[in-house]
Amino acid sequence: MSNSLFRKKSLESVTRDAESGLSDGHAPTANLRKVLTVKDLTFMGIAAVIGAGIFSTIGTAAYNGGPGVIFLFLITAVTCGFTALCYAEFASRVPVAGSAYTYSYVSFGEVIAWVIGWALILEYAIGNIVVAISWSAYFNNILKAIGLHLPAWLTIGYQTASEAYSNAIQNNLPTQDLVFMQAPILFGLRCIVNLPAFIIVALITILAYIGIQESKRTANMMVMLKILVLVVISLVGFWVIFSEGTTANWSPFLPNGMGGVLKGVSAVFFAYIGFDAISTTAEECADPQRDLPRGMIYSLIVCTIMYVVIALVITGMVSYKEFNGVADPLAYVFEKINMQKLGFVISVSAVVAATSVLLVFQLGQPRIWMAMSRDGLLPKSFGKINTRFQTPGFSTIVSGALVAVLALFVDDKLMTDLTSIGTLFAFVLVSGGVLMLPLRKKETGKFNLPYLNGKWIVPALFAVFVWFNLDRIVGSMAHLKDEGYRELLFLIFMILSTAFVVYTFLRSYSFIPVMGVLFCLYLMVEIPSKSWVVFFGWMAIGLTIYLLYGFHNSKLKKKI
């Protein structure tokens, strides 16, 4: 059975089918429209990345790290850069829909491919729940600014309201003004739903269902608007900083040292999630082997520059100390200097930014299910292409329904952590999968991952990491029974990393994918243990479904 679990799709067969238009066994008439160019892919990458992160989580990171938070954005960009290069290598070799799922099928085998496909639901579907909730909050602020007020119990999830009520009870605080107490009762339950979040997901799902041509036009327009607004913010911000003489806010540049900077790891990483989503549109690219790698790398570069500039602007306009608990830092700094109109424009931009992220992620999830269905791991209905719009219709509807319904009720904190851990898990497997690909000759017009021998560089860098974390390692080992799950995870990370570094030395692994694996594994360790418990539970459910359905219906099994 173990051999069957790890049966692989050959790189040659996947490429051959894609080139012949068969798309894993589907007739040519069922193919998707090949309309996406490098510009479209770059814009879609920017649309996916620049969303709630730059308009919200950047404030928390700036409070912890001060102006030096730009170093964290650069570190995270390097981490994502390693992974983006690995995605680019796969995209140039495997030009079909499915993203990390398809890549893992080629590298590791079927059961790992299923696991990663199941984990990607956390990035795209669960991640979109977080974005929808953020969109709802900004949209509600805009309504208030123009004099419209929705009842509070229609703008927040039941779980969030319930937790606020429970915390108030535990701390003996008044509860009469809380949303939970003001909401009407229906069938014995408090009627508390996030209606704007539900509506926006429904509208985005309709757009994704209609077609990729319409979706790309909408995404491109929203990206151009976002870029324009962020450029205006940067120019006005720097003008205020130098004309008002507030450059003193940049000193000290690292008020809490690098330790303070690194406290914002989770928030900043969430701000980068999304650049990989464009790899799910491989079959809708005019030239996927050339354009997909460029689109991912270009979008990552543009987003990093914007993040660094905006971080410098907000920490230069006001002191980093003022960002404690500020959910809308960009709007906050301009309202602070009596530029309320620009602050309102920023709030509108945040809504546009979140909308573009919703669109790209709603395009990504159905296409992963489509790829899994083609392989027989999900029912055939998930892989059907709508004959009129040439999109995966059933998968799009199911994905939209899942996100919309959950966005009505759930809290975004746990969803954020689950999104991050699922995404990092996918990044680890993609980076590791590159090491298992056969060598190939360089081809003109196609991306080729540069080989840099990690035999000596990786062990040297790992030794430096161990030196700076020596106290943590010794402390965790000395008090192993008393330490929490996070320190236990850290020790497991150290053991796995040591073994991986040894293998790198012995086999002269390529530097870029190795660093992608190690960086992402470390960021996973920093995610709260509560999320790990839920993650393992989610994976257990996924493996159960695979063993009951996917394993027996796999097309590879039928070929054997």
Protein backbone atom coordinates (compact mmCIF):
# COMPACT_ATOMS: atom_id res chain seq x y z
CA MET A 1 0.00 0.00 0.00
CA SER A 2 2.88 2.37 0.77
CA ASN A 3 3.99 2.33 -2.88
CA SER A 4 0.44 3.17 -3.97
CA LEU A 5 0.23 6.06 -1.51
CA PHE A 6 3.34 7.62 -3.01
CA ARG A 7 2.63 6.94 -6.69
CA LYS A 8 3.77 9.91 -8.77
CA LYS A 9 2.76 11.70 -11.95
CA SER A 10 5.69 11.89 -14.33
CA LEU A 11 6.95 15.30 -15.33
CA GLU A 12 6.97 14.23 -18.97
CA SER A 13 3.33 13.10 -19.02
CA VAL A 14 2.08 16.28 -17.34
CA THR A 15 3.99 18.48 -19.77
CA ARG A 16 2.97 16.37 -22.77
CA ASP A 17 -0.72 16.53 -21.88
CA ALA A 18 -0.56 20.29 -21.31
CA GLU A 19 1.15 20.89 -24.65
CA SER A 20 -1.37 18.72 -26.50
CA GLY A 21 -4.29 20.47 -24.82
CA LEU A 22 -5.54 17.33 -23.10
CA SER A 23 -5.30 18.80 -19.59
CA ASP A 24 -4.98 15.57 -17.65
CA GLY A 25 -7.39 13.58 -19.68
CA HIS A 26 -10.01 16.20 -20.46
CA ALA A 27 -11.04 16.86 -24.01
CA PRO A 28 -9.62 19.93 -25.75
CA THR A 29 -13.07 21.51 -25.80
CA ALA A 30 -13.01 21.64 -22.00
CA ASN A 31 -9.87 23.78 -21.86
CA LEU A 32 -9.69 27.13 -20.11
CA ARG A 33 -9.14 30.43 -21.95
CA LYS A 34 -5.45 31.28 -22.42
CA VAL A 35 -5.65 35.05 -22.02
CA LEU A 36 -3.23 35.99 -19.22
CA THR A 37 0.04 37.82 -19.99
CA VAL A 38 3.02 38.82 -17.83
CA LYS A 39 1.33 42.14 -17.04
CA ASP A 40 -1.91 40.41 -16.04
CA LEU A 41 -0.05 37.92 -13.82
CA THR A 42 2.02 40.66 -12.17
CA PHE A 43 -1.11 42.69 -11.48
CA MET A 44 -2.89 39.61 -10.10
CA GLY A 45 0.09 38.95 -7.82
CA ILE A 46 0.00 42.53 -6.53
CA ALA A 47 -3.78 42.27 -6.18
CA ALA A 48 -3.39 39.15 -4.01
CA VAL A 49 -0.56 40.46 -1.81
CA ILE A 50 -1.43 44.11 -1.16
CA GLY A 51 -4.62 43.86 0.82
CA ALA A 52 -5.48 43.84 4.50
CA GLY A 53 -1.79 43.57 5.46
CA ILE A 54 -0.56 46.99 4.39
CA PHE A 55 -3.73 48.68 5.68
CA SER A 56 -3.90 46.96 9.08
CA THR A 57 -1.19 44.54 10.29
CA ILE A 58 1.61 46.97 9.39
CA GLY A 59 0.53 49.04 12.42
CA THR A 60 1.10 46.21 14.91
CA ALA A 61 4.47 45.38 13.37
CA ALA A 62 5.52 49.06 13.47
CA TYR A 63 4.57 49.36 17.15
CA ASN A 64 6.75 46.37 18.07
CA GLY A 65 9.71 47.15 15.85
CA GLY A 66 9.65 50.91 15.31
CA PRO A 67 11.00 52.29 12.01
CA GLY A 68 13.29 49.24 11.89
CA VAL A 69 10.26 47.15 10.92
CA ILE A 70 11.45 47.67 7.34
CA PHE A 71 14.12 45.04 8.09
CA LEU A 72 11.36 42.54 8.86
CA PHE A 73 9.68 43.30 5.55
CA LEU A 74 13.01 42.73 3.81
CA ILE A 75 13.65 39.47 5.72
CA THR A 76 10.17 38.20 4.91
CA ALA A 77 10.62 39.26 1.30
CA VAL A 78 13.82 37.22 1.11
CA THR A 79 11.98 34.23 2.58
CA CYS A 80 9.16 34.60 0.07
CA GLY A 81 11.74 35.26 -2.63
CA PHE A 82 13.37 31.87 -2.07
CA THR A 83 9.94 30.25 -2.29
CA ALA A 84 8.90 32.34 -5.31
CA LEU A 85 11.98 31.15 -7.21
CA CYS A 86 11.06 27.55 -6.38
CA TYR A 87 7.47 28.15 -7.51
CA ALA A 88 8.88 29.71 -10.66
CA GLU A 89 11.01 26.64 -11.36
CA PHE A 90 7.99 24.36 -11.00
CA ALA A 91 5.79 26.70 -13.04
CA SER A 92 8.28 26.63 -15.90
CA ARG A 93 8.30 22.81 -15.89
CA VAL A 94 4.68 21.99 -14.97
CA PRO A 95 2.49 24.50 -16.84
CA VAL A 96 -0.89 23.24 -15.58
CA ALA A 97 -3.41 24.38 -12.97
CA GLY A 98 -3.04 23.19 -9.39
CA SER A 99 -0.14 25.17 -7.93
CA ALA A 100 1.69 23.42 -5.07
CA TYR A 101 -0.72 20.48 -5.31
CA THR A 102 0.40 19.55 -8.83
CA TYR A 103 4.04 20.25 -8.01
CA SER A 104 3.91 17.90 -5.00
CA TYR A 105 2.24 15.19 -7.11
CA VAL A 106 5.28 15.21 -9.38
CA SER A 107 7.89 15.42 -6.59
CA PHE A 108 6.59 13.48 -3.59
CA GLY A 109 3.66 11.36 -4.71
CA GLU A 110 -0.10 11.19 -4.38
CA VAL A 111 -0.69 11.20 -0.62
CA ILE A 112 1.59 14.23 -0.11
CA ALA A 113 -0.11 15.97 -3.04
CA TRP A 114 -3.48 15.37 -1.38
CA VAL A 115 -2.19 16.69 1.94
CA ILE A 116 -0.88 19.88 0.33
CA GLY A 117 -4.07 20.33 -1.68
CA TRP A 118 -6.06 19.99 1.53
CA ALA A 119 -3.72 22.44 3.30
CA LEU A 120 -4.11 24.99 0.50
CA ILE A 121 -7.78 25.28 1.44
CA LEU A 122 -6.42 27.03 4.53
CA GLU A 123 -4.57 29.57 2.38
CA TYR A 124 -7.23 30.33 -0.20
CA ALA A 125 -10.65 29.59 1.32
CA ILE A 126 -9.91 30.16 5.02
CA GLY A 127 -7.61 33.08 4.15
CA ASN A 128 -10.43 34.66 2.21
CA ILE A 129 -12.63 34.51 5.29
CA VAL A 130 -10.11 36.75 7.08
CA VAL A 131 -10.02 39.15 4.14
CA ALA A 132 -13.82 39.25 3.92
CA ILE A 133 -14.07 40.12 7.62
CA SER A 134 -11.45 42.87 7.17
CA TRP A 135 -13.33 44.17 4.11
CA SER A 136 -16.52 44.34 6.16
CA ALA A 137 -14.85 46.41 8.89
CA TYR A 138 -13.48 48.99 6.44
CA PHE A 139 -16.74 49.11 4.50
CA ASN A 140 -18.68 49.75 7.68
CA ASN A 141 -16.32 52.64 8.51
CA ILE A 142 -17.05 54.18 5.11
CA LEU A 143 -20.80 53.86 5.68
CA LYS A 144 -20.44 55.64 9.02
CA ALA A 145 -18.43 58.43 7.38
CA ILE A 146 -21.26 59.15 4.96
CA GLY A 147 -23.93 58.98 7.65
CA LEU A 148 -25.20 55.41 7.19
CA HIS A 149 -25.30 53.08 10.15
CA LEU A 150 -25.92 49.33 10.04
CA PRO A 151 -26.96 47.62 13.29
CA ALA A 152 -23.82 46.37 15.05
CA TRP A 153 -25.18 42.81 15.11
CA LEU A 154 -25.12 42.79 11.30
CA THR A 155 -21.43 43.77 11.05
CA ILE A 156 -19.66 41.24 13.27
CA GLY A 157 -19.40 37.46 13.52
CA TYR A 158 -21.21 35.54 16.25
CA GLN A 159 -17.97 34.00 17.52
CA THR A 160 -16.29 37.38 17.92
CA ALA A 161 -19.29 38.89 19.74
CA SER A 162 -19.63 35.83 21.98
CA GLU A 163 -15.95 35.93 22.98
CA ALA A 164 -16.19 39.63 23.82
CA TYR A 165 -19.20 38.89 26.03
CA SER A 166 -17.43 36.00 27.77
CA ASN A 167 -14.33 38.11 28.44
CA ALA A 168 -16.48 40.86 29.95
CA ILE A 169 -18.19 38.37 32.26
CA GLN A 170 -14.85 36.90 33.39
CA ASN A 171 -13.43 40.36 34.16
CA ASN A 172 -16.62 41.67 35.83
CA LEU A 173 -17.09 44.36 33.19
CA PRO A 174 -20.45 45.84 32.11
CA THR A 175 -22.14 43.94 29.27
CA GLN A 176 -25.27 45.99 28.47
CA ASP A 177 -23.60 47.88 25.60
CA LEU A 178 -22.02 44.82 23.99
CA VAL A 179 -23.24 43.60 20.61
CA PHE A 180 -24.07 40.20 22.09
CA MET A 181 -26.63 41.74 24.45
CA GLN A 182 -28.14 44.14 21.90
CA ALA A 183 -28.73 41.55 19.17
CA PRO A 184 -32.27 40.21 18.61
CA ILE A 185 -33.07 36.63 19.59
CA LEU A 186 -34.23 34.21 16.90
CA PHE A 187 -35.22 30.62 17.79
CA GLY A 188 -33.50 31.03 21.15
CA LEU A 189 -30.18 32.24 19.68
CA ARG A 190 -28.67 35.69 19.37
CA CYS A 191 -28.91 36.79 15.72
CA ILE A 192 -25.38 38.05 15.06
CA VAL A 193 -23.98 37.83 11.52
CA ASN A 194 -21.40 39.65 9.41
CA LEU A 195 -23.71 40.54 6.53
CA PRO A 196 -21.32 42.77 4.50
CA ALA A 197 -18.71 39.98 4.50
CA PHE A 198 -21.29 37.52 3.16
CA ILE A 199 -22.48 39.88 0.43
CA ILE A 200 -19.02 40.78 -0.89
CA VAL A 201 -18.00 37.10 -1.11
CA ALA A 202 -21.21 36.32 -3.00
CA LEU A 203 -20.55 39.14 -5.49
CA ILE A 204 -16.91 38.13 -5.97
CA THR A 205 -17.97 34.51 -6.53
CA ILE A 206 -20.34 35.60 -9.28
CA LEU A 207 -17.51 37.54 -10.95
CA ALA A 208 -15.14 34.56 -10.70
CA TYR A 209 -17.85 32.31 -12.15
CA ILE A 210 -18.48 34.58 -15.15
CA GLY A 211 -14.93 34.28 -16.42
CA ILE A 212 -11.19 34.86 -16.17
CA GLN A 213 -11.29 37.61 -18.85
CA GLU A 214 -13.70 39.71 -16.80
CA SER A 215 -11.86 38.87 -13.56
CA LYS A 216 -8.47 39.94 -14.87
CA ARG A 217 -9.85 43.28 -16.10
CA THR A 218 -11.41 43.96 -12.71
CA ALA A 219 -8.23 42.92 -10.87
CA ASN A 220 -6.07 45.11 -13.13
CA MET A 221 -8.26 48.17 -12.53
CA MET A 222 -8.24 47.66 -8.76
CA VAL A 223 -4.46 47.22 -8.72
CA MET A 224 -3.89 50.43 -10.68
CA LEU A 225 -6.13 52.28 -8.22
CA LYS A 226 -4.27 50.78 -5.24
CA ILE A 227 -0.88 51.69 -6.67
CA LEU A 228 -2.03 55.23 -7.44
CA VAL A 229 -3.34 55.75 -3.89
CA LEU A 230 -0.19 54.29 -2.30
CA VAL A 231 2.02 56.52 -4.46
CA VAL A 232 -0.01 59.57 -3.38
CA ILE A 233 0.24 58.48 0.27
CA SER A 234 4.02 58.11 -0.07
CA LEU A 235 4.55 61.48 -1.74
CA VAL A 236 2.29 63.36 0.68
CA GLY A 237 3.75 61.48 3.62
CA PHE A 238 7.38 62.28 2.80
CA TRP A 239 6.43 65.91 2.08
CA VAL A 240 4.85 66.17 5.55
CA ILE A 241 7.82 64.46 7.23
CA PHE A 242 10.43 66.80 5.75
CA SER A 243 8.35 69.99 5.70
CA GLU A 244 7.16 69.56 9.30
CA GLY A 245 10.54 68.33 10.50
CA THR A 246 9.30 65.05 12.01
CA THR A 247 12.33 63.01 10.94
CA ALA A 248 13.13 62.66 14.66
CA ASN A 249 10.43 59.96 14.75
CA TRP A 250 12.92 57.70 12.92
CA SER A 251 15.25 57.86 15.91
CA PRO A 252 15.91 55.45 17.50
CA PHE A 253 15.53 53.31 14.39
CA LEU A 254 15.46 50.06 16.40
CA PRO A 255 13.90 51.11 19.73
CA ASN A 256 13.32 47.51 20.85
CA GLY A 257 16.22 45.92 19.01
CA MET A 258 15.85 43.10 16.52
CA GLY A 259 13.85 41.19 19.13
CA GLY A 260 11.10 43.79 18.85
CA VAL A 261 11.26 43.66 15.06
CA LEU A 262 10.87 39.87 15.01
CA LYS A 263 7.74 40.04 17.19
CA GLY A 264 5.86 41.10 14.07
CA VAL A 265 6.79 38.00 12.05
CA SER A 266 3.26 36.58 11.84
CA ALA A 267 1.65 39.92 10.98
CA VAL A 268 4.18 40.74 8.28
CA PHE A 269 4.14 37.26 6.75
CA PHE A 270 0.36 37.45 6.44
CA ALA A 271 0.88 40.67 4.48
CA TYR A 272 2.89 38.72 1.89
CA ILE A 273 0.51 35.79 1.43
CA GLY A 274 -0.90 35.57 -2.07
CA PHE A 275 1.93 35.90 -4.59
CA ASP A 276 1.79 32.14 -5.21
CA ALA A 277 -1.93 32.25 -6.07
CA ILE A 278 -1.22 33.15 -9.69
CA SER A 279 0.41 29.73 -10.21
CA THR A 280 -3.09 28.22 -10.10
CA THR A 281 -3.92 30.00 -13.38
CA ALA A 282 -1.23 28.21 -15.43
CA GLU A 283 -3.69 26.86 -17.99
CA GLU A 284 -5.08 30.35 -18.58
CA CYS A 285 -1.67 31.83 -19.44
CA ALA A 286 -0.64 32.50 -23.02
CA ASP A 287 2.90 31.27 -22.23
CA PRO A 288 2.97 29.82 -18.69
CA GLN A 289 6.57 28.58 -18.78
CA ARG A 290 7.84 32.08 -19.52
CA ASP A 291 5.21 34.34 -17.96
CA LEU A 292 4.32 32.69 -14.62
CA PRO A 293 7.84 32.95 -13.11
CA ARG A 294 8.17 36.56 -14.20
CA GLY A 295 4.74 37.47 -12.87
CA MET A 296 5.48 36.03 -9.40
CA ILE A 297 8.90 37.62 -9.06
CA TYR A 298 7.85 41.03 -10.45
CA SER A 299 4.83 41.22 -8.12
CA LEU A 300 6.95 40.29 -5.09
CA ILE A 301 9.50 43.00 -5.89
CA VAL A 302 6.84 45.69 -6.37
CA CYS A 303 5.06 44.75 -3.13
CA THR A 304 8.27 44.75 -1.09
CA ILE A 305 9.21 48.24 -2.30
CA MET A 306 5.73 49.52 -1.43
CA TYR A 307 5.78 47.93 2.04
CA VAL A 308 9.18 49.42 2.91
CA VAL A 309 8.19 52.91 1.68
CA ILE A 310 4.85 52.88 3.52
CA ALA A 311 6.51 51.65 6.73
CA LEU A 312 8.96 54.56 6.57
CA VAL A 313 6.12 57.02 5.90
CA ILE A 314 3.89 56.04 8.82
CA THR A 315 6.76 55.78 11.34
CA GLY A 316 8.10 59.15 10.16
CA MET A 317 4.78 61.00 10.38
CA VAL A 318 4.00 59.88 13.95
CA SER A 319 5.89 58.07 16.69
CA TYR A 320 5.84 54.28 16.48
CA LYS A 321 4.49 54.26 20.06
CA GLU A 322 1.11 55.53 18.85
CA PHE A 323 0.34 52.40 16.81
CA ASN A 324 -0.56 50.23 19.78
CA GLY A 325 -4.01 48.79 19.03
CA VAL A 326 -4.46 50.89 15.86
CA ALA A 327 -6.30 48.77 13.26
CA ASP A 328 -6.10 51.29 10.41
CA PRO A 329 -2.61 52.86 10.66
CA LEU A 330 -2.59 54.57 7.24
CA ALA A 331 -5.88 56.35 7.81
CA TYR A 332 -4.83 57.07 11.42
CA VAL A 333 -1.65 58.98 10.57
CA PHE A 334 -3.40 61.30 8.12
CA GLU A 335 -6.34 61.93 10.43
CA LYS A 336 -3.75 62.69 13.11
CA ILE A 337 -2.46 65.62 11.03
CA ASN A 338 -5.97 66.82 10.16
CA MET A 339 -6.09 65.33 6.65
CA GLN A 340 -9.41 63.56 7.20
CA LYS A 341 -10.33 63.60 3.50
CA LEU A 342 -7.19 61.72 2.57
CA GLY A 343 -7.88 59.37 5.47
CA PHE A 344 -11.30 58.68 3.97
CA VAL A 345 -9.70 57.98 0.58
CA ILE A 346 -7.37 55.52 2.29
CA SER A 347 -10.33 53.71 3.84
CA VAL A 348 -11.91 53.42 0.39
CA SER A 349 -8.60 52.11 -0.94
CA ALA A 350 -8.52 49.49 1.81
CA VAL A 351 -11.90 48.24 0.64
CA VAL A 352 -10.62 48.09 -2.96
CA ALA A 353 -7.46 46.30 -1.82
CA ALA A 354 -9.39 43.68 0.12
CA THR A 355 -11.75 43.21 -2.83
CA SER A 356 -8.87 42.46 -5.19
CA VAL A 357 -7.45 39.88 -2.74
CA LEU A 358 -10.85 38.22 -2.48
CA LEU A 359 -11.06 38.00 -6.25
CA VAL A 360 -7.64 36.40 -6.78
CA PHE A 361 -8.13 33.87 -3.97
CA GLN A 362 -11.60 32.99 -5.22
CA LEU A 363 -9.98 32.27 -8.58
CA GLY A 364 -7.29 30.09 -6.96
CA GLN A 365 -9.25 27.69 -4.76
CA PRO A 366 -11.62 26.29 -7.44
CA ARG A 367 -8.71 25.61 -9.78
CA ILE A 368 -6.93 23.51 -7.17
CA TRP A 369 -10.10 21.46 -6.66
CA MET A 370 -10.39 21.19 -10.44
CA ALA A 371 -6.88 19.72 -10.67
CA MET A 372 -7.60 17.27 -7.82
CA SER A 373 -10.84 16.20 -9.51
CA ARG A 374 -9.05 15.54 -12.78
CA ASP A 375 -6.77 13.16 -10.93
CA GLY A 376 -9.75 11.31 -9.46
CA LEU A 377 -9.10 12.46 -5.89
CA LEU A 378 -12.35 14.46 -5.78
CA PRO A 379 -15.70 13.79 -7.49
CA LYS A 380 -15.88 14.63 -11.22
CA SER A 381 -18.23 17.57 -10.64
CA PHE A 382 -15.35 19.57 -9.10
CA GLY A 383 -13.45 19.35 -12.39
CA LYS A 384 -16.25 20.29 -14.78
CA ILE A 385 -15.70 23.40 -16.92
CA ASN A 386 -18.73 25.60 -17.60
CA THR A 387 -19.26 25.48 -21.36
CA ARG A 388 -20.44 29.09 -21.58
CA PHE A 389 -17.96 30.89 -19.34
CA GLN A 390 -15.12 28.32 -19.54
CA THR A 391 -14.49 28.40 -15.78
CA PRO A 392 -14.66 25.60 -13.17
CA GLY A 393 -18.27 26.44 -12.33
CA PHE A 394 -19.17 23.90 -9.65
CA SER A 395 -15.89 24.36 -7.76
CA THR A 396 -16.32 28.14 -7.87
CA ILE A 397 -19.83 27.93 -6.39
CA VAL A 398 -18.79 25.51 -3.62
CA SER A 399 -15.74 27.61 -2.73
CA GLY A 400 -17.80 30.81 -2.61
CA ALA A 401 -20.51 29.19 -0.48
CA LEU A 402 -17.93 27.85 1.99
CA VAL A 403 -16.24 31.23 2.45
CA ALA A 404 -19.46 33.25 2.53
CA VAL A 405 -21.23 31.11 5.13
CA LEU A 406 -18.24 30.89 7.48
CA ALA A 407 -17.57 34.64 7.14
CA LEU A 408 -21.01 35.23 8.63
CA PHE A 409 -20.09 33.73 11.99
CA VAL A 410 -16.40 33.06 12.71
CA ASP A 411 -13.67 35.14 14.37
CA ASP A 412 -10.68 36.15 12.26
CA LYS A 413 -7.84 35.57 14.76
CA LEU A 414 -7.72 31.77 14.55
CA MET A 415 -8.41 31.93 10.82
CA THR A 416 -5.35 34.16 10.35
CA ASP A 417 -3.04 31.69 12.10
CA LEU A 418 -4.50 28.74 10.17
CA THR A 419 -3.98 30.61 6.91
CA SER A 420 -0.34 31.27 7.76
CA ILE A 421 0.45 27.72 8.83
CA GLY A 422 -1.26 26.19 5.79
CA THR A 423 0.59 28.55 3.45
CA LEU A 424 3.99 27.96 5.06
CA PHE A 425 3.41 24.21 4.88
CA ALA A 426 2.81 24.52 1.14
CA PHE A 427 5.94 26.67 0.78
CA VAL A 428 8.06 24.04 2.57
CA LEU A 429 6.93 21.26 0.23
CA VAL A 430 7.36 23.36 -2.93
CA SER A 431 10.88 24.38 -1.90
CA GLY A 432 11.77 20.81 -0.92
CA GLY A 433 10.19 19.46 -4.09
CA VAL A 434 12.62 21.43 -6.27
CA LEU A 435 15.48 19.43 -4.76
CA MET A 436 13.88 16.26 -6.11
CA LEU A 437 13.49 17.47 -9.69
CA PRO A 438 15.90 16.08 -12.30
CA LEU A 439 18.53 18.43 -13.69
CA ARG A 440 17.79 19.96 -17.10
CA LYS A 441 19.57 22.03 -19.66
CA LYS A 442 18.90 25.75 -19.82
CA GLU A 443 16.27 26.66 -22.39
CA THR A 444 15.93 30.06 -24.04
CA GLY A 445 12.73 31.86 -23.05
CA LYS A 446 12.10 29.67 -19.99
CA PHE A 447 12.93 30.32 -16.35
CA ASN A 448 15.82 28.31 -14.93
CA LEU A 449 16.47 28.31 -11.18
CA PRO A 450 20.13 29.27 -10.70
CA TYR A 451 22.19 26.62 -8.92
CA LEU A 452 24.27 27.86 -6.01
CA ASN A 453 26.05 25.10 -4.11
CA GLY A 454 24.89 25.16 -0.49
CA LYS A 455 27.52 22.67 0.74
CA TRP A 456 29.42 25.25 2.80
CA ILE A 457 27.14 28.30 2.84
CA VAL A 458 24.13 26.61 4.49
CA PRO A 459 26.10 25.00 7.39
CA ALA A 460 27.86 28.32 8.03
CA LEU A 461 24.58 30.25 8.17
CA PHE A 462 23.00 27.58 10.37
CA ALA A 463 25.95 27.79 12.77
CA VAL A 464 25.38 31.55 13.07
CA PHE A 465 21.68 30.93 13.76
CA VAL A 466 22.54 28.38 16.49
CA TRP A 467 24.99 30.84 18.08
CA PHE A 468 22.37 33.60 18.36
CA ASN A 469 19.77 31.15 19.71
CA LEU A 470 22.06 29.18 22.02
CA ASP A 471 20.39 30.40 25.22
CA ARG A 472 16.96 29.43 23.91
CA ILE A 473 18.17 25.98 22.86
CA VAL A 474 19.87 25.26 26.19
CA GLY A 475 16.93 26.61 28.19
CA SER A 476 14.39 24.56 26.25
CA MET A 477 16.40 21.35 26.71
CA ALA A 478 17.01 21.97 30.41
CA HIS A 479 13.34 22.60 31.17
CA LEU A 480 11.76 20.36 28.56
CA LYS A 481 8.99 19.10 30.88
CA ASP A 482 8.02 22.64 31.88
CA GLU A 483 8.18 24.25 28.45
CA GLY A 484 5.12 24.94 26.33
CA TYR A 485 4.32 23.51 22.92
CA ARG A 486 6.10 26.36 21.13
CA GLU A 487 9.48 25.53 22.66
CA LEU A 488 8.91 21.84 21.94
CA LEU A 489 8.21 22.75 18.32
CA PHE A 490 11.37 24.85 18.31
CA LEU A 491 13.45 21.86 19.45
CA ILE A 492 11.84 19.67 16.77
CA PHE A 493 12.71 22.37 14.25
CA MET A 494 16.34 22.33 15.41
CA ILE A 495 16.56 18.54 15.06
CA LEU A 496 15.01 18.50 11.59
CA SER A 497 17.09 21.47 10.48
CA THR A 498 20.32 19.88 11.69
CA ALA A 499 19.55 16.72 9.72
CA PHE A 500 18.65 18.79 6.65
CA VAL A 501 21.85 20.83 6.88
CA VAL A 502 23.90 17.61 7.10
CA TYR A 503 22.16 16.28 3.98
CA THR A 504 22.86 19.59 2.24
CA PHE A 505 26.56 19.23 3.05
CA LEU A 506 26.74 15.60 1.91
CA ARG A 507 24.71 16.00 -1.28
CA SER A 508 25.60 19.60 -2.21
CA TYR A 509 21.96 20.70 -2.36
CA SER A 510 21.10 23.97 -4.09
CA PHE A 511 21.20 26.97 -1.74
CA ILE A 512 17.92 28.62 -2.78
CA PRO A 513 15.42 25.76 -2.14
CA VAL A 514 17.25 24.75 1.05
CA MET A 515 16.91 28.25 2.48
CA GLY A 516 13.27 28.32 1.41
CA VAL A 517 12.61 25.17 3.46
CA LEU A 518 14.52 26.36 6.54
CA PHE A 519 13.08 29.89 6.60
CA CYS A 520 9.50 28.67 6.25
CA LEU A 521 9.92 25.93 8.87
CA TYR A 522 11.16 28.51 11.34
CA LEU A 523 8.22 30.83 10.73
CA MET A 524 5.88 27.88 11.28
CA VAL A 525 7.40 27.36 14.75
CA GLU A 526 6.45 30.92 15.72
CA ILE A 527 2.73 30.31 15.11
CA PRO A 528 0.73 29.73 18.37
CA SER A 529 0.36 26.10 19.49
CA LYS A 530 -3.45 26.36 19.52
CA SER A 531 -3.36 26.75 15.76
CA TRP A 532 -1.12 23.70 15.42
CA VAL A 533 -3.73 21.58 17.20
CA VAL A 534 -6.44 22.75 14.81
CA PHE A 535 -4.08 22.27 11.86
CA PHE A 536 -3.37 18.64 12.78
CA GLY A 537 -7.10 18.04 13.23
CA TRP A 538 -7.76 19.53 9.79
CA MET A 539 -5.07 17.31 8.26
CA ALA A 540 -6.56 14.22 9.94
CA ILE A 541 -9.96 14.97 8.38
CA GLY A 542 -8.31 15.40 4.99
CA LEU A 543 -6.40 12.10 5.19
CA THR A 544 -9.60 10.31 6.17
CA ILE A 545 -11.37 11.64 3.08
CA TYR A 546 -8.42 10.62 0.90
CA LEU A 547 -8.31 7.07 2.26
CA LEU A 548 -12.07 6.64 1.90
CA TYR A 549 -12.43 8.21 -1.57
CA GLY A 550 -9.32 9.56 -3.29
CA PHE A 551 -7.08 6.52 -2.85
CA HIS A 552 -9.64 4.19 -4.46
CA ASN A 553 -10.67 6.55 -7.29
CA SER A 554 -7.26 7.88 -8.29
CA LYS A 555 -6.64 7.81 -12.03
CA LEU A 556 -3.07 6.70 -11.39
CA LYS A 557 -4.40 3.62 -9.62
CA LYS A 558 -6.49 2.77 -12.65
CA LYS A 559 -3.44 3.04 -14.90
CA ILE A 560 -1.42 0.59 -12.81
